[in-house]
Amino acid sequence: MNLALKYRPKLFSDLVGQESVSQTLSLALDQQKISNAYLFSGLRGSGKTSSARIFARALQCDNGPTSNPCGVCDNCKSALEGRHMDIIEMDAASNRRIDDIRDLIEQTKYSPSFGKYKIFIIDEVHMLTKEAFNALLKTLEEPPSYVKFILATTDPLLLPATILSRTQHFRFKKISQKIVVSHIEGILQKEGVGYDHDALEVIARSGSGSLRDTLTLLDQAIIFGKNYVGLTSTTEMLGIIDPEILERFFLSILQKQEQTTQELLSQMQEYECEMILDEMMLFLKEVMLKKNPNYPPLILNRFFNILTQSKTLLSLNTNNEFVLLLSVLKMQEALKLKEVSSFISSLERNVLNDSALILPPQDTQEQPLVTSEPQVVEQIVTPSTPPTQEASTTPQELYSKLIAKIYEKSYEVGAMFDKNFKLVDFSNHQLTLTPSSNQEELALLRQKWSVLKELIAEIFGAETKVVMSQPTPPQPQPQPQPQPQPQPQPQPQPQPQPQPQPQPQPQP
């Protein structure tokens, strides 16, 4: 049983998850607006080749071009059976040389032998050589009226710009997991196969948005589970970890049950380390999308970072068991960081509560108990006073707040402002500052003036005007005049006392 072939789309309405593409192509067919060349790009198994075949059959139908081919005419039957002579499919991976493209171009010279158009479907077109692309350009731009090209690729970035400009580009998106699960659930109901819904989620996730890959895995799960798709058998078949084990593993880490963590880790070590890390990241991604309250966003972020670092270590050919054990230890340590954060938050709350308990002293007189509705106290707000300014705040305190705010915004700007401006006065909504003589730093501050002006308005009020006062040059200090030294008064000279004259002695 091959479910991918059995349930291959045969009409545009059968395409799964590609509503925009099917609607656009259907309208183009119904309105007879057919281009010369189309390019279908997208993930493998998303419906590119199936859409190309449906489009080719819609062009060749006897009732066509139509968005709903009848399926009963000879053109439709031969197209469905893959034997239509005028629908040529070519695999560019094995026919990539310039000679192959020349043979294809040679076929465009001949009119269709059976249908209305000669349609060329080139799959994996990005595999063509540069010379083959150049040979295809002219024919792709101006083909005969009966020739149509449908190119399909998984990597449109590898195509030359000259090819892209000559085609209508349709991008096939990745099919969501929810749509894939709903589709394969309907298939199992038609086939009469029992299933577990969680097992379908695992299969759809392993298909990575490719419907063909998902149906191939579903085939294997039906065979392995003996006509029942169960979760245990599916995870065992795919070789992946049971999601229940992962859930128990992470809960044991969050609940600090180290013994359980070690037991579950030993169970998972039989798988490849890279696959274990991938499954852990997928599990945490689903937990994050479901907003599980058991996993705080902070812890999820730390777990993702730890697993990403572990994947990097694996790329360095590090011991796998060591990397896995290191990841678990880091996750356990990450919870301690959460405890520190919670402790800091609780301390902040305690500080706020303590500050709220410090109340001004009240009168000792008993107040009557009021049981009526709470009174509404009207506050008179003076528009001239900014919200952040209190009546008792001095201009110097406001200026200090301004300096602190500037430092918070930019330490460098705050240092320059504090160094080059001095507060003179603040009155009547006018802030007077004295700038320094450092013209270079003042020029830098002028470039930041819009930010500074907002901060000044926040601290001093929105109506505040800034006035620069020129610094007063220092007045020369008067030199003290020398005091005249007092002239010494001449001391009176003592008058010499007259010497007594000796009396003459009488002569005998």
Foldseek 3Di string as FASTA:
>chain_A
DQPCVVLQDQALVSQFQQVVVLVVLQVCWVVVPDAQEAEEEADPQRCQVSVVLNCVLCCFAPPTVHRDRPCPDPSNVCSVVVNQPLEAEEECQVQQELVSLVVVLVVLVDARDRTQAREYEYEQNLNHDPNNLVVCLVCLQDGPPRYHYYYYHHDPVSDDPSNVVSHHYDYRYQHDLVRLLVVVVVVLVVVVAAEDSVLSSVLSVVQRRRNSSSSVLVVVQCVQVVRYRYQVSSCVVVVADRLVLLVQLVVCLLVVVVVSNVVSVVVPVVGFLVRNLVVNLVSLVVCVVVVPVSQDPQLSVQLVVLSVVLVVVVVVVDDSVVSVVVSSVSSSVSVVVVVVVVVVVVVVVVVVVVVVVDDDDDDPDDDDDDDDDDDDDDDDDDQQFAPQDDPPDAPVNLVVVLLVVVCVVPVVLSVLCVVFWDWDDADPLETEIEGHPPVVSVVVVVVVVVVSLVSCCNRGNVSHDYHYDYDDDDDDDDDDDDDDDDDDDDDDDDDDDDDDDDDDDDDD
